[in-house]
């Protein structure tokens, strides 16, 4: 049985259009689920509805099989970590972590035991007497996590908790959070707009846009099998190359060259060819015309940006190869790695045997 179930969830403010529209999702015990999408897509709104900080306009939210729509946040037994840490500046680290326990009138001995255990787990023991102003960003984030962890719960909600950290510390904290999640055998929902965080942390990724789910899947599924044009462009260090196909008397063409289409399920029409940068190669002699406009050297790889038939194309190449801006060459495509889409619907079109 799913530990969290959202069925036909809608959220609307006043007379505005739906912020969340027909949201359906099941989350299993122990999963690390990431809500990923651009700013304003509704991911934090969904998190706050699960927590009980936002009302649900319609639909059902169940936690451990029990309907939660009208249950106050304080009775849902869920721990939440916010983006801004929300620490009390006048309290020590110990008292910040212990605050929720004191509010619930937990016995003093139990508070000390729980805070001591969590502080040891988060490497905060040397800082228990410090105030938040004397902590680094990473230490403050650990205190916020500790305050959530001392609660007797196995469900954690995290709303962009790493966004205030620098790049190096974010990488470290990503590793620590995933390890912590495994050690606690918890169920975690993590909200981010950073796809690197999503791809490296999540067991399951939920991609949202304009209040709707675009795709749910593992990081590999999301990357290698995008269900629509939005996901294809949104996921990846470089967005997928999307080449618009045309028709003439010869059939379907790109850059005046005939493209051999597979046979599609239900005869759906494909008029966009999608291919990732790593599945293209540059050639001096054959392929589709390609004029280099920019070279992006990243040490282990280089990304060659160019124009082909009026469209932007990116090709990943080995770092030892030499190219020049303005050079007019060609690019080829690994035909086994092609994705097909319909321009009008935006949806992926599947070959019958693909």
Foldseek 3Di string as FASTA:
>chain_A
DFQKWWAQFWDDDDPDPTQAGGDTDGHHQLFEEEEAEDPSQCPVVVLCQLLQNDATPDTFIDGRRHTCRPPHNVPNQEFEQEQVLPFDQVDFLLCRLLVVVVVVVPDPVLSVVLLVVLCVLLVNVVRRGPGPVPDDLLSSLSSSVSSRVSGPAQEYEYENNCPVDDPVVSVVVLVSVQVVSVVSSGYYYYYDNDVVSVLVRGQKYFYGGSNYTQDIDHSCCLAQPRFFQVSQQSDDPHRWDKFFWDQDPVGIDGLPHDDDDFQFPVNDDFGIKTAHQAQKDWDAPDAFKWAFADWADDPQWIWTWTATPRGIDIHIDGRVDDDDHGDIGHMHGDVVRIWTADPVVRGTIDHPVD
